[in-house]
């Protein structure tokens, strides 16, 4: 297995973060009432969110130039951390013990694979 280049790994993590942010934007848009079904899908927030998702796809493709293919899904799992952070801070959702333990396992898995995988 080739060694991952830190810059490409950071680029991949940035893409995952932006992807999580765009998912939050889509949820915010879905929580609003619109005057027509067309406005639900064609509004600035939704268009920007899908544009960001497209951009993160391109960033991920570029990042795979410097990281092994097997590392991508491991880094992608960091999205659970980002989504949880956004859920708590933006949507005021509650964290319970099961969620916290699950996040600890995800973080431990990322660290273990990154260091020893």
Protein backbone atom coordinates (compact mmCIF):
# COMPACT_ATOMS: atom_id res chain seq x y z
CA UNK A 1 0.00 0.00 0.00
CA UNK A 2 1.37 3.39 -0.91
CA UNK A 3 1.72 6.07 1.74
CA UNK A 4 -0.93 8.81 1.62
CA UNK A 5 0.24 12.33 0.91
CA UNK A 6 -0.98 14.66 3.70
CA UNK A 7 -2.03 17.46 1.34
CA UNK A 8 -4.31 15.12 -0.62
CA UNK A 9 -5.73 13.63 2.58
CA UNK A 10 -6.48 17.16 3.84
CA UNK A 11 -8.13 17.98 0.50
CA UNK A 12 -10.29 14.87 0.82
CA UNK A 13 -11.30 15.79 4.39
CA UNK A 14 -12.13 19.32 3.23
CA UNK A 15 -14.34 17.88 0.48
CA UNK A 16 -16.13 15.70 3.03
CA UNK A 17 -16.67 18.74 5.26
CA UNK A 18 -18.12 20.81 2.41
CA UNK A 19 -20.33 17.87 1.44
CA UNK A 20 -21.70 17.73 5.00
CA UNK A 21 -22.28 21.48 4.89
CA UNK A 22 -24.23 21.16 1.66
CA UNK A 23 -26.40 18.45 3.23
CA UNK A 24 -27.22 20.88 6.04
CA UNK A 25 -28.16 23.47 3.43
CA UNK A 26 -30.52 20.99 1.77
CA UNK A 27 -32.13 20.17 5.13
CA UNK A 28 -32.57 23.87 5.92
CA UNK A 29 -34.22 24.33 2.55
CA UNK A 30 -36.50 21.33 3.11
CA UNK A 31 -37.70 22.81 6.41
CA UNK A 32 -39.12 25.89 4.67
CA UNK A 33 -42.56 26.26 3.14
CA UNK A 34 -42.67 27.21 -0.54
CA UNK A 35 -45.48 28.61 -2.66
CA UNK A 36 -45.08 25.90 -5.29
CA UNK A 37 -43.39 22.50 -5.63
CA UNK A 38 -41.07 23.95 -8.26
CA UNK A 39 -39.71 26.50 -5.77
CA UNK A 40 -38.79 23.65 -3.41
CA UNK A 41 -36.19 22.45 -5.91
CA UNK A 42 -35.30 25.62 -7.79
CA UNK A 43 -34.17 28.12 -5.20
CA UNK A 44 -30.74 29.61 -4.48
CA UNK A 45 -30.02 27.47 -1.40
CA UNK A 46 -30.76 24.17 -3.16
CA UNK A 47 -28.87 25.15 -6.30
CA UNK A 48 -25.84 26.22 -4.24
CA UNK A 49 -25.97 23.00 -2.20
CA UNK A 50 -26.01 20.82 -5.31
CA UNK A 51 -23.24 22.93 -6.82
CA UNK A 52 -21.15 22.31 -3.72
CA UNK A 53 -21.85 18.58 -3.91
CA UNK A 54 -20.67 18.57 -7.52
CA UNK A 55 -17.54 20.49 -6.48
CA UNK A 56 -16.79 18.05 -3.68
CA UNK A 57 -17.00 15.20 -6.17
CA UNK A 58 -14.31 16.89 -8.25
CA UNK A 59 -12.18 17.53 -5.16
CA UNK A 60 -12.47 13.87 -4.17
CA UNK A 61 -11.33 12.77 -7.61
CA UNK A 62 -8.29 15.05 -7.33
CA UNK A 63 -7.58 13.84 -3.78
CA UNK A 64 -7.49 10.21 -4.94
CA UNK A 65 -4.35 11.08 -6.88
CA UNK A 66 -2.44 11.22 -3.60
CA UNK A 67 -4.24 8.83 -1.28
CA UNK A 68 -4.80 5.08 -1.61
CA UNK A 69 -8.23 3.99 -2.77
CA UNK A 70 -8.69 2.04 0.46
CA UNK A 71 -8.25 5.20 2.57
CA UNK A 72 -11.10 7.13 0.90
CA UNK A 73 -14.00 5.40 2.68
CA UNK A 74 -12.19 5.69 5.99
CA UNK A 75 -11.78 9.44 5.59
CA UNK A 76 -15.34 9.68 4.25
CA UNK A 77 -16.62 8.35 7.58
CA UNK A 78 -15.51 11.63 9.16
CA UNK A 79 -18.74 13.03 7.71
CA UNK A 80 -20.56 11.47 10.68
CA UNK A 81 -18.56 13.76 12.97
CA UNK A 82 -19.33 16.84 10.88
CA UNK A 83 -23.02 16.03 10.56
CA UNK A 84 -23.31 15.44 14.30
CA UNK A 85 -21.63 18.77 15.00
CA UNK A 86 -23.99 20.58 12.62
CA UNK A 87 -27.02 18.73 14.00
CA UNK A 88 -26.23 19.82 17.54
CA UNK A 89 -25.20 23.41 16.76
CA UNK A 90 -27.61 24.34 13.97
CA UNK A 91 -30.64 22.10 14.49
CA UNK A 92 -30.31 21.82 18.30
CA UNK A 93 -30.60 18.04 18.26
CA UNK A 94 -29.67 16.18 21.42
CA UNK A 95 -26.72 13.81 21.77
CA UNK A 96 -27.29 10.64 23.75
CA UNK A 97 -24.79 8.12 25.07
CA UNK A 98 -25.23 5.74 22.13
CA UNK A 99 -24.42 8.49 19.63
CA UNK A 100 -21.38 9.60 21.61
CA UNK A 101 -20.06 6.04 21.85
CA UNK A 102 -20.67 5.54 18.13
CA UNK A 103 -18.74 8.72 17.32
CA UNK A 104 -15.86 7.59 19.52
CA UNK A 105 -15.71 4.28 17.64
CA UNK A 106 -15.75 6.09 14.28
CA UNK A 107 -12.96 8.43 15.37
CA UNK A 108 -10.95 5.53 16.79
CA UNK A 109 -11.39 3.59 13.56
CA UNK A 110 -10.17 6.53 11.48
CA UNK A 111 -7.13 6.97 13.72
CA UNK A 112 -6.27 3.27 13.85
CA UNK A 113 -6.53 2.83 10.09
CA UNK A 114 -4.61 6.04 9.39
CA UNK A 115 -1.78 5.09 11.74
CA UNK A 116 -1.55 1.33 11.24
CA UNK A 117 -3.55 0.51 8.09
